[in-house]
């Protein structure tokens, strides 16, 4: 294994992490911005109003995107296992 192989695996790992966490982060960001806008317009500053919808949105996003996330992790695992099998 040389530096190029290690960098290639690390690049694939970072890309897999970004793709796997993307749906949940995107859902939290959209819901958070929407709630912040509603709070700014109505001047209601309730703390539980921000957390509960975010948690629900994240759980829904994770449930919907689970096959996609699983496929991304499987692709990365197959890449690493094929590199190990071929001896890098």
N, C-alpha and C. Protein backbone atom coordinates (compact mmCIF):
# COMPACT_ATOMS: atom_id res chain seq x y z
N UNK A 1 0.85 -1.18 0.00
CA UNK A 1 0.00 0.00 0.00
C UNK A 1 0.89 1.23 0.00
N UNK A 2 0.65 2.10 -0.93
CA UNK A 2 1.42 3.34 -0.97
C UNK A 2 0.51 4.51 -0.62
N UNK A 3 1.07 5.70 -0.75
CA UNK A 3 0.32 6.89 -0.34
C UNK A 3 -0.90 7.14 -1.22
N UNK A 4 -0.77 6.84 -2.51
CA UNK A 4 -1.89 7.05 -3.42
C UNK A 4 -3.08 6.16 -3.07
N UNK A 5 -2.80 4.90 -2.69
CA UNK A 5 -3.89 4.00 -2.28
C UNK A 5 -4.56 4.49 -1.01
N UNK A 6 -3.75 4.92 -0.05
CA UNK A 6 -4.32 5.42 1.21
C UNK A 6 -5.16 6.68 0.97
N UNK A 7 -4.68 7.57 0.14
CA UNK A 7 -5.44 8.78 -0.16
C UNK A 7 -6.72 8.47 -0.91
N UNK A 8 -6.67 7.48 -1.80
CA UNK A 8 -7.87 7.10 -2.55
C UNK A 8 -8.92 6.52 -1.61
N UNK A 9 -8.51 5.68 -0.69
CA UNK A 9 -9.45 5.10 0.28
C UNK A 9 -10.00 6.18 1.21
N UNK A 10 -9.15 7.10 1.64
CA UNK A 10 -9.62 8.19 2.51
C UNK A 10 -10.59 9.10 1.78
N UNK A 11 -10.33 9.38 0.51
CA UNK A 11 -11.24 10.20 -0.28
C UNK A 11 -12.59 9.51 -0.43
N UNK A 12 -12.57 8.22 -0.67
CA UNK A 12 -13.81 7.46 -0.78
C UNK A 12 -14.55 7.42 0.55
N UNK A 13 -13.80 7.33 1.65
CA UNK A 13 -14.43 7.31 2.98
C UNK A 13 -15.11 8.65 3.29
N UNK A 14 -14.43 9.74 2.99
CA UNK A 14 -15.02 11.06 3.24
C UNK A 14 -16.25 11.26 2.36
N UNK A 15 -16.18 10.86 1.10
CA UNK A 15 -17.32 11.00 0.21
C UNK A 15 -18.50 10.15 0.69
N UNK A 16 -18.21 8.94 1.20
CA UNK A 16 -19.26 8.08 1.74
C UNK A 16 -19.91 8.71 2.97
N UNK A 17 -19.10 9.30 3.83
CA UNK A 17 -19.65 9.96 5.02
C UNK A 17 -20.55 11.12 4.62
N UNK A 18 -20.11 11.91 3.65
CA UNK A 18 -20.92 13.05 3.20
C UNK A 18 -22.23 12.59 2.57
N UNK A 19 -22.18 11.55 1.76
CA UNK A 19 -23.39 11.06 1.11
C UNK A 19 -24.34 10.38 2.10
N UNK A 20 -23.79 9.71 3.11
CA UNK A 20 -24.63 9.01 4.08
C UNK A 20 -25.28 9.98 5.07
N UNK A 21 -24.58 11.04 5.43
CA UNK A 21 -25.14 11.98 6.40
C UNK A 21 -25.92 13.11 5.74
N UNK A 22 -25.81 13.23 4.43
CA UNK A 22 -26.46 14.32 3.71
C UNK A 22 -27.96 14.43 3.89
N UNK A 23 -28.74 13.36 3.72
CA UNK A 23 -30.19 13.50 3.85
C UNK A 23 -30.64 13.97 5.23
N UNK A 24 -30.03 13.46 6.29
CA UNK A 24 -30.43 13.87 7.63
C UNK A 24 -30.04 15.32 7.90
N UNK A 25 -28.86 15.71 7.48
CA UNK A 25 -28.42 17.09 7.69
C UNK A 25 -29.26 18.06 6.87
N UNK A 26 -29.57 17.68 5.64
CA UNK A 26 -30.40 18.54 4.79
C UNK A 26 -31.80 18.71 5.38
N UNK A 27 -32.38 17.62 5.88
CA UNK A 27 -33.71 17.72 6.50
C UNK A 27 -33.68 18.61 7.74
N UNK A 28 -32.66 18.45 8.57
CA UNK A 28 -32.55 19.29 9.77
C UNK A 28 -32.35 20.75 9.41
N UNK A 29 -31.58 21.01 8.37
CA UNK A 29 -31.34 22.39 7.96
C UNK A 29 -32.60 23.04 7.42
N UNK A 30 -33.34 22.34 6.59
CA UNK A 30 -34.57 22.91 6.03
C UNK A 30 -35.60 23.17 7.12
N UNK A 31 -35.79 22.20 8.01
CA UNK A 31 -36.76 22.38 9.09
C UNK A 31 -36.30 23.48 10.04
N UNK A 32 -35.02 23.53 10.34
CA UNK A 32 -34.50 24.57 11.23
C UNK A 32 -34.67 25.96 10.66
N UNK A 33 -34.39 26.13 9.39
CA UNK A 33 -34.58 27.44 8.76
C UNK A 33 -36.05 27.84 8.71
N UNK A 34 -36.91 26.87 8.43
CA UNK A 34 -38.34 27.17 8.39
C UNK A 34 -38.86 27.58 9.76
N UNK A 35 -38.46 26.86 10.79
CA UNK A 35 -38.91 27.19 12.14
C UNK A 35 -38.32 28.51 12.59
N UNK A 36 -37.08 28.79 12.24
CA UNK A 36 -36.47 30.07 12.59
C UNK A 36 -37.21 31.22 11.93
N UNK A 37 -37.62 31.02 10.69
CA UNK A 37 -38.39 32.06 10.00
C UNK A 37 -39.75 32.27 10.66
N UNK A 38 -40.40 31.18 11.01
CA UNK A 38 -41.70 31.29 11.69
C UNK A 38 -41.55 31.97 13.04
N UNK A 39 -40.50 31.61 13.79
CA UNK A 39 -40.27 32.25 15.08
C UNK A 39 -39.95 33.73 14.94
N UNK A 40 -39.22 34.09 13.91
CA UNK A 40 -38.90 35.50 13.71
C UNK A 40 -40.14 36.29 13.31
N UNK A 41 -41.02 35.68 12.54
CA UNK A 41 -42.23 36.38 12.11
C UNK A 41 -43.25 36.52 13.23
N UNK A 42 -43.36 35.48 14.08
CA UNK A 42 -44.37 35.50 15.15
C UNK A 42 -43.81 35.94 16.48
N UNK A 43 -42.51 36.03 16.61
CA UNK A 43 -41.81 36.40 17.85
C UNK A 43 -42.12 35.43 18.99
N UNK A 44 -42.35 34.18 18.67
CA UNK A 44 -42.54 33.13 19.66
C UNK A 44 -41.20 32.42 19.82
N UNK A 45 -40.59 32.51 20.98
CA UNK A 45 -39.27 31.93 21.21
C UNK A 45 -39.36 30.73 22.16
N UNK A 46 -40.06 29.71 21.73
CA UNK A 46 -40.20 28.49 22.52
C UNK A 46 -39.10 27.50 22.14
N UNK A 47 -38.36 27.01 23.12
CA UNK A 47 -37.22 26.14 22.83
C UNK A 47 -37.64 24.77 22.29
N UNK A 48 -38.74 24.22 22.82
CA UNK A 48 -39.16 22.90 22.35
C UNK A 48 -39.69 22.95 20.93
N UNK A 49 -40.08 24.12 20.47
CA UNK A 49 -40.59 24.27 19.11
C UNK A 49 -39.50 24.00 18.08
N UNK A 50 -38.24 24.18 18.44
CA UNK A 50 -37.16 23.94 17.49
C UNK A 50 -36.70 22.49 17.47
N UNK A 51 -36.73 21.81 18.62
CA UNK A 51 -36.15 20.47 18.69
C UNK A 51 -37.07 19.37 18.20
N UNK A 52 -38.32 19.41 18.58
CA UNK A 52 -39.24 18.32 18.25
C UNK A 52 -39.43 18.17 16.74
N UNK A 53 -39.73 19.23 15.99
CA UNK A 53 -39.87 19.04 14.53
C UNK A 53 -38.58 18.59 13.85
N UNK A 54 -37.43 19.05 14.34
CA UNK A 54 -36.16 18.60 13.75
C UNK A 54 -35.96 17.11 13.96
N UNK A 55 -36.25 16.63 15.15
CA UNK A 55 -36.08 15.21 15.43
C UNK A 55 -37.02 14.38 14.56
N UNK A 56 -38.25 14.83 14.43
CA UNK A 56 -39.22 14.10 13.60
C UNK A 56 -38.77 14.11 12.13
N UNK A 57 -38.32 15.26 11.64
CA UNK A 57 -37.87 15.36 10.25
C UNK A 57 -36.64 14.50 10.00
N UNK A 58 -35.73 14.46 10.94
CA UNK A 58 -34.53 13.63 10.79
C UNK A 58 -34.91 12.15 10.76
N UNK A 59 -35.80 11.74 11.65
CA UNK A 59 -36.22 10.33 11.66
C UNK A 59 -36.91 9.95 10.36
N UNK A 60 -37.74 10.83 9.83
CA UNK A 60 -38.41 10.55 8.55
C UNK A 60 -37.39 10.49 7.42
N UNK A 61 -36.43 11.44 7.40
CA UNK A 61 -35.41 11.45 6.36
C UNK A 61 -34.53 10.20 6.42
N UNK A 62 -34.17 9.79 7.62
CA UNK A 62 -33.36 8.57 7.76
C UNK A 62 -34.15 7.35 7.31
N UNK A 63 -35.43 7.30 7.65
CA UNK A 63 -36.26 6.18 7.22
C UNK A 63 -36.42 6.10 5.72
N UNK A 64 -36.60 7.25 5.09
CA UNK A 64 -36.78 7.26 3.63
C UNK A 64 -35.47 6.99 2.90
N UNK A 65 -34.37 7.54 3.40
CA UNK A 65 -33.10 7.42 2.69
C UNK A 65 -32.25 6.23 3.15
N UNK A 66 -32.80 5.36 3.96
CA UNK A 66 -32.02 4.22 4.45
C UNK A 66 -31.50 3.32 3.33
N UNK A 67 -32.28 3.00 2.30
CA UNK A 67 -31.72 2.18 1.21
C UNK A 67 -30.55 2.86 0.49
N UNK A 68 -30.67 4.16 0.27
CA UNK A 68 -29.60 4.91 -0.38
C UNK A 68 -28.34 4.91 0.47
N UNK A 69 -28.49 5.16 1.77
CA UNK A 69 -27.34 5.19 2.67
C UNK A 69 -26.70 3.80 2.75
N UNK A 70 -27.52 2.78 2.84
CA UNK A 70 -27.00 1.42 2.86
C UNK A 70 -26.24 1.07 1.59
N UNK A 71 -26.74 1.53 0.46
CA UNK A 71 -26.05 1.27 -0.81
C UNK A 71 -24.71 1.99 -0.86
N UNK A 72 -24.65 3.21 -0.36
CA UNK A 72 -23.38 3.95 -0.35
C UNK A 72 -22.35 3.25 0.54
N UNK A 73 -22.78 2.80 1.69
CA UNK A 73 -21.86 2.11 2.61
C UNK A 73 -21.43 0.77 2.01
N UNK A 74 -22.34 0.09 1.34
CA UNK A 74 -22.00 -1.17 0.69
C UNK A 74 -20.99 -0.97 -0.43
N UNK A 75 -21.16 0.08 -1.22
CA UNK A 75 -20.20 0.37 -2.29
C UNK A 75 -18.82 0.63 -1.71
N UNK A 76 -18.76 1.40 -0.62
CA UNK A 76 -17.47 1.69 0.00
C UNK A 76 -16.85 0.41 0.57
N UNK A 77 -17.66 -0.41 1.24
CA UNK A 77 -17.13 -1.66 1.80
C UNK A 77 -16.61 -2.57 0.70
N UNK A 78 -17.33 -2.66 -0.40
CA UNK A 78 -16.86 -3.49 -1.52
C UNK A 78 -15.55 -2.95 -2.09
N UNK A 79 -15.41 -1.63 -2.16
CA UNK A 79 -14.16 -1.03 -2.63
C UNK A 79 -13.00 -1.41 -1.73
N UNK A 80 -13.20 -1.28 -0.44
CA UNK A 80 -12.12 -1.59 0.51
C UNK A 80 -11.80 -3.09 0.49
N UNK A 81 -12.82 -3.93 0.47
CA UNK A 81 -12.58 -5.38 0.46
C UNK A 81 -11.90 -5.82 -0.83
N UNK A 82 -12.27 -5.21 -1.96
CA UNK A 82 -11.61 -5.59 -3.20
C UNK A 82 -10.15 -5.15 -3.21
N UNK A 83 -9.86 -4.00 -2.58
CA UNK A 83 -8.46 -3.55 -2.47
C UNK A 83 -7.67 -4.50 -1.58
N UNK A 84 -8.26 -4.94 -0.49
CA UNK A 84 -7.57 -5.86 0.41
C UNK A 84 -7.35 -7.20 -0.28
N UNK A 85 -8.36 -7.66 -1.01
CA UNK A 85 -8.25 -8.96 -1.68
C UNK A 85 -7.18 -8.94 -2.76
N UNK A 86 -7.08 -7.82 -3.48
CA UNK A 86 -6.08 -7.74 -4.55
C UNK A 86 -4.69 -7.37 -4.03
N UNK A 87 -4.59 -7.12 -2.75
CA UNK A 87 -3.29 -6.80 -2.16
C UNK A 87 -2.86 -5.37 -2.44
N UNK A 88 -3.82 -4.50 -2.63
CA UNK A 88 -3.59 -3.09 -2.92
C UNK A 88 -2.80 -3.00 -4.19
